[in-house]
Amino acid sequence: MWSKEARLGILLILPTVLLLCLLILFPILYNIWLSFYAKHAFLPLQSWVGWKNYLSMLSDEQFWTSFKLSLIFTVSSTAFQIVLGVLVALLLHERFWGRTFARGVVLFPYMLPTIVSVVLWKWVLNDQYGIVNYLLQAWHFIKQPIVWIGPSNMMKSLVMVSIWTYFPFVVINVLARLQVIPLELYDAAKVDGASAVGRFFYVTLPQLKEVLFVVILLRGIWMFTKFDIVWLWAGDFGGLGESVRTLPIYTYMKTFGQYQVGLGAALANLMFMMLMIAVTIYFRVFRRDEEVE
């Protein structure tokens, strides 16, 4: 039998457990249940179809196109966010006049609402009056304005906007880790004759490995499931949006555009399984590297 203290502890933690089950476990289980039905989004119409929703998605060419676009968007935007974030964090870690002000300015894109960032960049990249095309032409890099918000450049411009919007997250985490690296490690590296590049690869980068592991994982998951910035950037999904119709957008279109909740639930579950597989592989590779070391 449990002691009085144990029963009191269970009683105190029970509301939290129930709340977590209500907010997390129930929606997941309900979504799994929905994926086995052909259900209308608004009308009380539903019928059991078993695995049909999943099989239809796996044989759907648009699904695989959206999957490919999601991979392109996730890998490219995450990679450039990491590279730019680390470079900026290294710069802001150095001592220079106005460093505090510069650190505040770098956080500006991350503090803006997504819709503000999208509208801002649509003005900046406009092919008729945008400042980017104006400067490129003024500096003689291009002769004709580039249609950034067009079918051929839509994904490139979306990745660029995503990098600008979310790289401060990387800066914050990397800069926080840089500030607690013992200076003795750098002094020892200098005594051994290591150059600035050598100190980065043999001192800084190993010290950043753990934080970069978490940052890459989080940014990869968030970019793969990112909906708002893609939706706001593409606009008309019957035309230009086809070139950036990632899986979250495709799921939304199936659920609320075609009123097929069952298919939308199946798509969401497939995305969840993809992320679980990717995260499992990621953790295994990281642990294998630790064992080798």
C-alpha atoms as a PDB file:
ATOM      1  CA  MET A   1       0.000   0.000   0.000  1.00  0.00           C
ATOM      2  CA  TRP A   2       1.110   3.533  -0.727  1.00  0.00           C
ATOM      3  CA  SER A   3       2.035   5.778   2.133  1.00  0.00           C
ATOM      4  CA  LYS A   4       0.133   8.921   3.008  1.00  0.00           C
ATOM      5  CA  GLU A   5       2.859  11.092   1.475  1.00  0.00           C
ATOM      6  CA  ALA A   6       2.783   9.078  -1.777  1.00  0.00           C
ATOM      7  CA  ARG A   7      -1.002   9.397  -2.069  1.00  0.00           C
ATOM      8  CA  LEU A   8      -0.760  13.128  -1.433  1.00  0.00           C
ATOM      9  CA  GLY A   9       1.930  13.467  -4.120  1.00  0.00           C
ATOM     10  CA  ILE A  10      -0.194  11.551  -6.650  1.00  0.00           C
ATOM     11  CA  LEU A  11      -3.207  13.676  -5.787  1.00  0.00           C
ATOM     12  CA  LEU A  12      -1.228  16.884  -6.331  1.00  0.00           C
ATOM     13  CA  ILE A  13       0.239  15.802  -9.666  1.00  0.00           C
ATOM     14  CA  LEU A  14      -2.993  14.279 -10.993  1.00  0.00           C
ATOM     15  CA  PRO A  15      -4.466  17.581 -12.342  1.00  0.00           C
ATOM     16  CA  THR A  16      -1.288  18.196 -14.343  1.00  0.00           C
ATOM     17  CA  VAL A  17      -1.332  14.666 -15.788  1.00  0.00           C
ATOM     18  CA  LEU A  18      -5.003  14.997 -16.723  1.00  0.00           C
ATOM     19  CA  LEU A  19      -4.363  18.371 -18.353  1.00  0.00           C
ATOM     20  CA  LEU A  20      -1.475  16.957 -20.399  1.00  0.00           C
ATOM     21  CA  CYS A  21      -3.620  14.026 -21.507  1.00  0.00           C
ATOM     22  CA  LEU A  22      -6.424  16.392 -22.479  1.00  0.00           C
ATOM     23  CA  LEU A  23      -4.207  18.795 -24.430  1.00  0.00           C
ATOM     24  CA  ILE A  24      -1.710  16.349 -25.976  1.00  0.00           C
ATOM     25  CA  LEU A  25      -2.742  12.700 -25.814  1.00  0.00           C
ATOM     26  CA  PHE A  26      -6.411  13.108 -26.753  1.00  0.00           C
ATOM     27  CA  PRO A  27      -5.793  15.191 -29.941  1.00  0.00           C
ATOM     28  CA  ILE A  28      -3.178  12.665 -31.099  1.00  0.00           C
ATOM     29  CA  LEU A  29      -5.453   9.683 -30.539  1.00  0.00           C
ATOM     30  CA  TYR A  30      -8.410  11.500 -32.104  1.00  0.00           C
ATOM     31  CA  ASN A  31      -6.344  12.376 -35.168  1.00  0.00           C
ATOM     32  CA  ILE A  32      -5.290   8.736 -35.549  1.00  0.00           C
ATOM     33  CA  TRP A  33      -8.942   7.697 -35.300  1.00  0.00           C
ATOM     34  CA  LEU A  34      -9.965  10.273 -37.911  1.00  0.00           C
ATOM     35  CA  SER A  35      -7.375   9.003 -40.384  1.00  0.00           C
ATOM     36  CA  PHE A  36      -9.301   5.741 -40.788  1.00  0.00           C
ATOM     37  CA  TYR A  37     -12.504   7.516 -41.823  1.00  0.00           C
ATOM     38  CA  ALA A  38     -13.721   9.399 -44.880  1.00  0.00           C
ATOM     39  CA  LYS A  39     -15.058  12.388 -42.965  1.00  0.00           C
ATOM     40  CA  HIS A  40     -16.375  15.745 -44.154  1.00  0.00           C
ATOM     41  CA  ALA A  41     -14.830  18.822 -42.578  1.00  0.00           C
ATOM     42  CA  PHE A  42     -18.114  20.474 -41.586  1.00  0.00           C
ATOM     43  CA  LEU A  43     -21.010  18.112 -42.303  1.00  0.00           C
ATOM     44  CA  PRO A  44     -21.743  15.121 -40.031  1.00  0.00           C
ATOM     45  CA  LEU A  45     -20.778  12.655 -42.767  1.00  0.00           C
ATOM     46  CA  GLN A  46     -18.271   9.904 -42.145  1.00  0.00           C
ATOM     47  CA  SER A  47     -17.594   6.305 -43.136  1.00  0.00           C
ATOM     48  CA  TRP A  48     -14.956   3.756 -42.220  1.00  0.00           C
ATOM     49  CA  VAL A  49     -12.320   3.315 -44.940  1.00  0.00           C
ATOM     50  CA  GLY A  50      -9.493   1.649 -43.016  1.00  0.00           C
ATOM     51  CA  TRP A  51      -6.049   2.208 -44.544  1.00  0.00           C
ATOM     52  CA  LYS A  52      -7.442   3.730 -47.736  1.00  0.00           C
ATOM     53  CA  ASN A  53      -6.481   7.286 -46.806  1.00  0.00           C
ATOM     54  CA  TYR A  54      -2.855   6.300 -46.250  1.00  0.00           C
ATOM     55  CA  LEU A  55      -2.655   4.180 -49.405  1.00  0.00           C
ATOM     56  CA  SER A  56      -4.213   6.934 -51.515  1.00  0.00           C
ATOM     57  CA  MET A  57      -1.658   9.418 -50.223  1.00  0.00           C
ATOM     58  CA  LEU A  58       1.279   7.140 -50.949  1.00  0.00           C
ATOM     59  CA  SER A  59       0.082   6.761 -54.542  1.00  0.00           C
ATOM     60  CA  ASP A  60      -0.677  10.489 -54.934  1.00  0.00           C
ATOM     61  CA  GLU A  61       1.832  12.340 -57.101  1.00  0.00           C
ATOM     62  CA  GLN A  62       0.969  15.675 -55.468  1.00  0.00           C
ATOM     63  CA  PHE A  63       1.844  14.220 -52.068  1.00  0.00           C
ATOM     64  CA  TRP A  64       5.342  13.262 -53.205  1.00  0.00           C
ATOM     65  CA  THR A  65       5.797  16.644 -54.869  1.00  0.00           C
ATOM     66  CA  SER A  66       4.848  18.353 -51.606  1.00  0.00           C
ATOM     67  CA  PHE A  67       7.185  16.032 -49.713  1.00  0.00           C
ATOM     68  CA  LYS A  68      10.071  16.977 -52.018  1.00  0.00           C
ATOM     69  CA  LEU A  69       9.302  20.688 -51.625  1.00  0.00           C
ATOM     70  CA  SER A  70       9.177  20.255 -47.842  1.00  0.00           C
ATOM     71  CA  LEU A  71      12.612  18.636 -47.862  1.00  0.00           C
ATOM     72  CA  ILE A  72      14.050  21.398 -50.047  1.00  0.00           C
ATOM     73  CA  PHE A  73      12.559  24.107 -47.862  1.00  0.00           C
ATOM     74  CA  THR A  74      13.561  22.453 -44.579  1.00  0.00           C
ATOM     75  CA  VAL A  75      17.128  21.477 -45.456  1.00  0.00           C
ATOM     76  CA  SER A  76      18.072  24.676 -47.281  1.00  0.00           C
ATOM     77  CA  SER A  77      16.525  27.111 -44.802  1.00  0.00           C
ATOM     78  CA  THR A  78      17.820  25.226 -41.743  1.00  0.00           C
ATOM     79  CA  ALA A  79      21.340  24.899 -43.148  1.00  0.00           C
ATOM     80  CA  PHE A  80      21.644  28.591 -43.999  1.00  0.00           C
ATOM     81  CA  GLN A  81      20.090  29.613 -40.677  1.00  0.00           C
ATOM     82  CA  ILE A  82      22.741  27.597 -38.844  1.00  0.00           C
ATOM     83  CA  VAL A  83      25.647  28.933 -40.906  1.00  0.00           C
ATOM     84  CA  LEU A  84      24.509  32.558 -40.744  1.00  0.00           C
ATOM     85  CA  GLY A  85      23.551  32.274 -37.077  1.00  0.00           C
ATOM     86  CA  VAL A  86      26.955  30.893 -36.073  1.00  0.00           C
ATOM     87  CA  LEU A  87      28.823  33.533 -38.071  1.00  0.00           C
ATOM     88  CA  VAL A  88      26.795  36.377 -36.579  1.00  0.00           C
ATOM     89  CA  ALA A  89      27.137  34.929 -33.067  1.00  0.00           C
ATOM     90  CA  LEU A  90      30.914  34.741 -33.470  1.00  0.00           C
ATOM     91  CA  LEU A  91      30.964  38.370 -34.618  1.00  0.00           C
ATOM     92  CA  LEU A  92      28.762  39.565 -31.751  1.00  0.00           C
ATOM     93  CA  HIS A  93      30.938  37.677 -29.276  1.00  0.00           C
ATOM     94  CA  GLU A  94      33.889  39.915 -30.116  1.00  0.00           C
ATOM     95  CA  ARG A  95      34.409  43.222 -28.332  1.00  0.00           C
ATOM     96  CA  PHE A  96      33.655  46.312 -30.423  1.00  0.00           C
ATOM     97  CA  TRP A  97      31.976  49.661 -30.000  1.00  0.00           C
ATOM     98  CA  GLY A  98      28.165  49.355 -30.137  1.00  0.00           C
ATOM     99  CA  ARG A  99      28.122  45.607 -29.539  1.00  0.00           C
ATOM    100  CA  THR A 100      25.109  45.784 -27.215  1.00  0.00           C
ATOM    101  CA  PHE A 101      23.131  47.776 -29.763  1.00  0.00           C
ATOM    102  CA  ALA A 102      24.123  45.348 -32.525  1.00  0.00           C
ATOM    103  CA  ARG A 103      22.911  42.402 -30.447  1.00  0.00           C
ATOM    104  CA  GLY A 104      19.542  44.070 -30.055  1.00  0.00           C
ATOM    105  CA  VAL A 105      19.260  44.830 -33.776  1.00  0.00           C
ATOM    106  CA  VAL A 106      20.022  41.205 -34.712  1.00  0.00           C
ATOM    107  CA  LEU A 107      17.004  40.060 -32.693  1.00  0.00           C
ATOM    108  CA  PHE A 108      14.690  42.407 -34.597  1.00  0.00           C
ATOM    109  CA  PRO A 109      13.603  39.922 -37.343  1.00  0.00           C
ATOM    110  CA  TYR A 110      12.688  37.278 -34.760  1.00  0.00           C
ATOM    111  CA  MET A 111      10.545  39.732 -32.787  1.00  0.00           C
ATOM    112  CA  LEU A 112       8.471  40.816 -35.777  1.00  0.00           C
ATOM    113  CA  PRO A 113       5.137  39.058 -36.382  1.00  0.00           C
ATOM    114  CA  THR A 114       5.401  36.683 -39.332  1.00  0.00           C
ATOM    115  CA  ILE A 115       2.835  38.574 -41.388  1.00  0.00           C
ATOM    116  CA  VAL A 116       4.821  41.800 -40.963  1.00  0.00           C
ATOM    117  CA  SER A 117       8.010  40.071 -42.148  1.00  0.00           C
ATOM    118  CA  VAL A 118       6.226  38.640 -45.194  1.00  0.00           C
ATOM    119  CA  VAL A 119       4.627  41.947 -46.195  1.00  0.00           C
ATOM    120  CA  LEU A 120       7.940  43.743 -45.691  1.00  0.00           C
ATOM    121  CA  TRP A 121       9.823  41.308 -47.904  1.00  0.00           C
ATOM    122  CA  LYS A 122       7.132  41.362 -50.584  1.00  0.00           C
ATOM    123  CA  TRP A 123       7.744  45.096 -50.862  1.00  0.00           C
ATOM    124  CA  VAL A 124      11.525  44.712 -50.790  1.00  0.00           C
ATOM    125  CA  LEU A 125      11.566  41.976 -53.456  1.00  0.00           C
ATOM    126  CA  ASN A 126       8.894  43.425 -55.718  1.00  0.00           C
ATOM    127  CA  ASP A 127      10.118  43.329 -59.322  1.00  0.00           C
ATOM    128  CA  GLN A 128       8.667  46.781 -60.157  1.00  0.00           C
ATOM    129  CA  TYR A 129       9.489  48.982 -57.168  1.00  0.00           C
ATOM    130  CA  GLY A 130      11.478  46.737 -54.784  1.00  0.00           C
ATOM    131  CA  ILE A 131      14.737  48.031 -53.322  1.00  0.00           C
ATOM    132  CA  VAL A 132      16.620  44.776 -54.041  1.00  0.00           C
ATOM    133  CA  ASN A 133      16.155  44.947 -57.803  1.00  0.00           C
ATOM    134  CA  TYR A 134      16.868  48.684 -57.749  1.00  0.00           C
ATOM    135  CA  LEU A 135      20.222  48.176 -55.992  1.00  0.00           C
ATOM    136  CA  LEU A 136      21.197  45.211 -58.162  1.00  0.00           C
ATOM    137  CA  GLN A 137      20.533  47.253 -61.290  1.00  0.00           C
ATOM    138  CA  ALA A 138      22.242  50.354 -59.880  1.00  0.00           C
ATOM    139  CA  TRP A 139      25.355  48.302 -59.109  1.00  0.00           C
ATOM    140  CA  HIS A 140      25.172  46.671 -62.567  1.00  0.00           C
ATOM    141  CA  PHE A 141      24.755  43.125 -61.266  1.00  0.00           C
ATOM    142  CA  ILE A 142      21.636  42.610 -63.383  1.00  0.00           C
ATOM    143  CA  LYS A 143      20.180  44.296 -66.473  1.00  0.00           C
ATOM    144  CA  GLN A 144      16.527  43.347 -65.993  1.00  0.00           C
ATOM    145  CA  PRO A 145      14.541  43.148 -62.744  1.00  0.00           C
ATOM    146  CA  ILE A 146      14.328  39.661 -61.260  1.00  0.00           C
ATOM    147  CA  VAL A 147      10.814  38.386 -60.602  1.00  0.00           C
ATOM    148  CA  TRP A 148      11.489  37.075 -57.119  1.00  0.00           C
ATOM    149  CA  ILE A 149       7.844  36.282 -56.417  1.00  0.00           C
ATOM    150  CA  GLY A 150       7.394  34.136 -59.491  1.00  0.00           C
ATOM    151  CA  PRO A 151       7.159  30.396 -60.215  1.00  0.00           C
ATOM    152  CA  SER A 152      10.889  29.939 -60.877  1.00  0.00           C
ATOM    153  CA  ASN A 153      12.108  31.965 -57.875  1.00  0.00           C
ATOM    154  CA  MET A 154       9.284  31.466 -55.365  1.00  0.00           C
ATOM    155  CA  MET A 155      11.081  28.771 -53.335  1.00  0.00           C
ATOM    156  CA  LYS A 156      14.392  30.664 -53.379  1.00  0.00           C
ATOM    157  CA  SER A 157      12.785  33.847 -52.105  1.00  0.00           C
ATOM    158  CA  LEU A 158      10.803  31.927 -49.487  1.00  0.00           C
ATOM    159  CA  VAL A 159      13.983  30.309 -48.181  1.00  0.00           C
ATOM    160  CA  MET A 160      15.668  33.713 -48.090  1.00  0.00           C
ATOM    161  CA  VAL A 161      12.810  35.236 -46.087  1.00  0.00           C
ATOM    162  CA  SER A 162      12.812  32.258 -43.713  1.00  0.00           C
ATOM    163  CA  ILE A 163      16.541  32.614 -43.125  1.00  0.00           C
ATOM    164  CA  TRP A 164      16.188  36.311 -42.313  1.00  0.00           C
ATOM    165  CA  THR A 165      13.212  35.700 -40.018  1.00  0.00           C
ATOM    166  CA  TYR A 166      14.517  32.773 -37.962  1.00  0.00           C
ATOM    167  CA  PHE A 167      18.320  32.947 -37.886  1.00  0.00           C
ATOM    168  CA  PRO A 168      18.282  35.083 -34.673  1.00  0.00           C
ATOM    169  CA  PHE A 169      17.133  31.952 -32.811  1.00  0.00           C
ATOM    170  CA  VAL A 170      20.458  30.346 -33.709  1.00  0.00           C
ATOM    171  CA  VAL A 171      22.345  33.499 -32.754  1.00  0.00           C
ATOM    172  CA  ILE A 172      20.784  33.587 -29.280  1.00  0.00           C
ATOM    173  CA  ASN A 173      21.643  29.968 -28.452  1.00  0.00           C
ATOM    174  CA  VAL A 174      25.137  29.958 -29.947  1.00  0.00           C
ATOM    175  CA  LEU A 175      26.059  33.313 -28.396  1.00  0.00           C
ATOM    176  CA  ALA A 176      24.927  32.109 -24.967  1.00  0.00           C
ATOM    177  CA  ARG A 177      27.221  29.068 -25.281  1.00  0.00           C
ATOM    178  CA  LEU A 178      30.156  31.132 -26.544  1.00  0.00           C
ATOM    179  CA  GLN A 179      30.061  33.311 -23.452  1.00  0.00           C
ATOM    180  CA  VAL A 180      30.696  30.359 -21.098  1.00  0.00           C
ATOM    181  CA  ILE A 181      33.569  28.707 -22.983  1.00  0.00           C
ATOM    182  CA  PRO A 182      36.626  28.853 -20.685  1.00  0.00           C
ATOM    183  CA  LEU A 183      39.204  31.344 -21.959  1.00  0.00           C
ATOM    184  CA  GLU A 184      41.970  28.980 -20.790  1.00  0.00           C
ATOM    185  CA  LEU A 185      41.184  26.722 -23.749  1.00  0.00           C
ATOM    186  CA  TYR A 186      41.943  29.531 -26.184  1.00  0.00           C
ATOM    187  CA  ASP A 187      45.106  30.484 -24.308  1.00  0.00           C
ATOM    188  CA  ALA A 188      46.326  26.900 -24.480  1.00  0.00           C
ATOM    189  CA  ALA A 189      45.547  26.740 -28.198  1.00  0.00           C
ATOM    190  CA  LYS A 190      47.521  29.953 -28.796  1.00  0.00           C
ATOM    191  CA  VAL A 191      50.481  28.516 -26.899  1.00  0.00           C
ATOM    192  CA  ASP A 192      50.318  25.470 -29.187  1.00  0.00           C
ATOM    193  CA  GLY A 193      50.488  27.785 -32.180  1.00  0.00           C
ATOM    194  CA  ALA A 194      46.880  27.438 -33.367  1.00  0.00           C
ATOM    195  CA  SER A 195      45.655  30.142 -35.727  1.00  0.00           C
ATOM    196  CA  ALA A 196      42.247  31.814 -35.487  1.00  0.00           C
ATOM    197  CA  VAL A 197      40.817  29.203 -37.874  1.00  0.00           C
ATOM    198  CA  GLY A 198      42.452  26.412 -35.900  1.00  0.00           C
ATOM    199  CA  ARG A 199      41.048  27.753 -32.624  1.00  0.00           C
ATOM    200  CA  PHE A 200      37.577  27.761 -34.169  1.00  0.00           C
ATOM    201  CA  PHE A 201      37.738  24.158 -35.382  1.00  0.00           C
ATOM    202  CA  TYR A 202      39.563  22.678 -32.391  1.00  0.00           C
ATOM    203  CA  VAL A 203      38.178  24.770 -29.511  1.00  0.00           C
ATOM    204  CA  THR A 204      35.016  26.689 -30.435  1.00  0.00           C
ATOM    205  CA  LEU A 205      33.262  24.145 -32.648  1.00  0.00           C
ATOM    206  CA  PRO A 206      33.658  21.191 -30.227  1.00  0.00           C
ATOM    207  CA  GLN A 207      32.282  23.393 -27.443  1.00  0.00           C
ATOM    208  CA  LEU A 208      29.303  24.320 -29.617  1.00  0.00           C
ATOM    209  CA  LYS A 209      28.514  20.750 -30.643  1.00  0.00           C
ATOM    210  CA  GLU A 210      25.858  20.103 -28.009  1.00  0.00           C
ATOM    211  CA  VAL A 211      23.990  23.353 -28.511  1.00  0.00           C
ATOM    212  CA  LEU A 212      24.169  22.984 -32.299  1.00  0.00           C
ATOM    213  CA  PHE A 213      22.756  19.483 -31.955  1.00  0.00           C
ATOM    214  CA  VAL A 214      19.663  20.852 -30.211  1.00  0.00           C
ATOM    215  CA  VAL A 215      19.359  23.910 -32.461  1.00  0.00           C
ATOM    216  CA  ILE A 216      19.556  21.873 -35.680  1.00  0.00           C
ATOM    217  CA  LEU A 217      16.987  19.430 -34.334  1.00  0.00           C
ATOM    218  CA  LEU A 218      14.517  22.138 -33.303  1.00  0.00           C
ATOM    219  CA  ARG A 219      14.940  24.263 -36.398  1.00  0.00           C
ATOM    220  CA  GLY A 220      14.589  21.223 -38.649  1.00  0.00           C
ATOM    221  CA  ILE A 221      11.344  20.145 -36.972  1.00  0.00           C
ATOM    222  CA  TRP A 222       9.929  23.656 -36.963  1.00  0.00           C
ATOM    223  CA  MET A 223      10.774  24.339 -40.597  1.00  0.00           C
ATOM    224  CA  PHE A 224       9.349  20.985 -41.741  1.00  0.00           C
ATOM    225  CA  THR A 225       6.047  21.803 -40.018  1.00  0.00           C
ATOM    226  CA  LYS A 226       6.099  25.537 -40.804  1.00  0.00           C
ATOM    227  CA  PHE A 227       2.762  26.766 -42.146  1.00  0.00           C
ATOM    228  CA  ASP A 228       2.284  30.491 -41.592  1.00  0.00           C
ATOM    229  CA  ILE A 229       5.214  31.947 -43.512  1.00  0.00           C
ATOM    230  CA  VAL A 230       4.676  29.618 -46.492  1.00  0.00           C
ATOM    231  CA  TRP A 231       0.961  30.337 -46.644  1.00  0.00           C
ATOM    232  CA  LEU A 232       1.412  34.095 -46.372  1.00  0.00           C
ATOM    233  CA  TRP A 233       4.228  34.155 -48.913  1.00  0.00           C
ATOM    234  CA  ALA A 234       2.577  32.071 -51.632  1.00  0.00           C
ATOM    235  CA  GLY A 235      -0.836  33.721 -51.663  1.00  0.00           C
ATOM    236  CA  ASP A 236      -2.756  32.133 -54.551  1.00  0.00           C
ATOM    237  CA  PHE A 237      -2.220  28.379 -54.316  1.00  0.00           C
ATOM    238  CA  GLY A 238      -3.890  27.734 -57.611  1.00  0.00           C
ATOM    239  CA  GLY A 239      -0.976  29.430 -59.365  1.00  0.00           C
ATOM    240  CA  LEU A 240       2.265  30.570 -57.787  1.00  0.00           C
ATOM    241  CA  GLY A 241       1.702  28.555 -54.628  1.00  0.00           C
ATOM    242  CA  GLU A 242       2.200  25.290 -56.494  1.00  0.00           C
ATOM    243  CA  SER A 243       5.961  25.857 -56.388  1.00  0.00           C
ATOM    244  CA  VAL A 244       6.006  26.090 -52.566  1.00  0.00           C
ATOM    245  CA  ARG A 245       3.141  23.767 -51.630  1.00  0.00           C
ATOM    246  CA  THR A 246       4.847  21.978 -48.753  1.00  0.00           C
ATOM    247  CA  LEU A 247       3.242  19.168 -46.748  1.00  0.00           C
ATOM    248  CA  PRO A 248       1.652  21.431 -44.091  1.00  0.00           C
ATOM    249  CA  ILE A 249       0.040  23.477 -46.867  1.00  0.00           C
ATOM    250  CA  TYR A 250      -1.052  20.348 -48.718  1.00  0.00           C
ATOM    251  CA  THR A 251      -2.571  18.995 -45.497  1.00  0.00           C
ATOM    252  CA  TYR A 252      -4.500  22.218 -44.943  1.00  0.00           C
ATOM    253  CA  MET A 253      -5.786  22.189 -48.517  1.00  0.00           C
ATOM    254  CA  LYS A 254      -7.008  18.602 -48.209  1.00  0.00           C
ATOM    255  CA  THR A 255      -8.676  19.266 -44.858  1.00  0.00           C
ATOM    256  CA  PHE A 256     -10.276  22.678 -45.338  1.00  0.00           C
ATOM    257  CA  GLY A 257     -10.037  23.227 -49.083  1.00  0.00           C
ATOM    258  CA  GLN A 258     -11.450  19.878 -50.183  1.00  0.00           C
ATOM    259  CA  TYR A 259     -13.193  19.135 -46.842  1.00  0.00           C
ATOM    260  CA  GLN A 260     -11.485  15.737 -46.513  1.00  0.00           C
ATOM    261  CA  VAL A 261     -10.669  15.570 -42.824  1.00  0.00           C
ATOM    262  CA  GLY A 262      -9.728  11.895 -42.963  1.00  0.00           C
ATOM    263  CA  LEU A 263      -7.118  12.512 -45.649  1.00  0.00           C
ATOM    264  CA  GLY A 264      -5.836  15.531 -43.756  1.00  0.00           C
ATOM    265  CA  ALA A 265      -5.497  13.466 -40.575  1.00  0.00           C
ATOM    266  CA  ALA A 266      -3.646  10.740 -42.505  1.00  0.00           C
ATOM    267  CA  LEU A 267      -1.281  13.353 -43.929  1.00  0.00           C
ATOM    268  CA  ALA A 268      -0.623  14.766 -40.465  1.00  0.00           C
ATOM    269  CA  ASN A 269       0.142  11.279 -39.154  1.00  0.00           C
ATOM    270  CA  LEU A 270       2.494  10.617 -42.074  1.00  0.00           C
ATOM    271  CA  MET A 271       4.324  13.864 -41.310  1.00  0.00           C
ATOM    272  CA  PHE A 272       4.576  12.837 -37.662  1.00  0.00           C
ATOM    273  CA  MET A 273       6.025   9.444 -38.615  1.00  0.00           C
ATOM    274  CA  MET A 274       8.520  11.089 -40.988  1.00  0.00           C
ATOM    275  CA  LEU A 275       9.707  13.368 -38.210  1.00  0.00           C
ATOM    276  CA  MET A 276       9.969  10.485 -35.753  1.00  0.00           C
ATOM    277  CA  ILE A 277      12.087   8.481 -38.205  1.00  0.00           C
ATOM    278  CA  ALA A 278      14.299  11.484 -38.946  1.00  0.00           C
ATOM    279  CA  VAL A 279      14.748  12.300 -35.241  1.00  0.00           C
ATOM    280  CA  THR A 280      15.556   8.661 -34.423  1.00  0.00           C
ATOM    281  CA  ILE A 281      18.220   8.531 -37.129  1.00  0.00           C
ATOM    282  CA  TYR A 282      19.561  11.907 -35.996  1.00  0.00           C
ATOM    283  CA  PHE A 283      19.915  10.760 -32.378  1.00  0.00           C
ATOM    284  CA  ARG A 284      21.535   7.480 -33.411  1.00  0.00           C
ATOM    285  CA  VAL A 285      24.118   9.230 -35.582  1.00  0.00           C
ATOM    286  CA  PHE A 286      24.883  11.743 -32.825  1.00  0.00           C
ATOM    287  CA  ARG A 287      25.299   9.023 -30.194  1.00  0.00           C
ATOM    288  CA  ARG A 288      27.493   7.025 -32.543  1.00  0.00           C
ATOM    289  CA  ASP A 289      29.761  10.077 -32.918  1.00  0.00           C
ATOM    290  CA  GLU A 290      29.931  10.383 -29.126  1.00  0.00           C
ATOM    291  CA  GLU A 291      30.888   6.708 -28.758  1.00  0.00           C
ATOM    292  CA  VAL A 292      33.658   7.105 -31.348  1.00  0.00           C
ATOM    293  CA  GLU A 293      35.052  10.039 -29.402  1.00  0.00           C
END
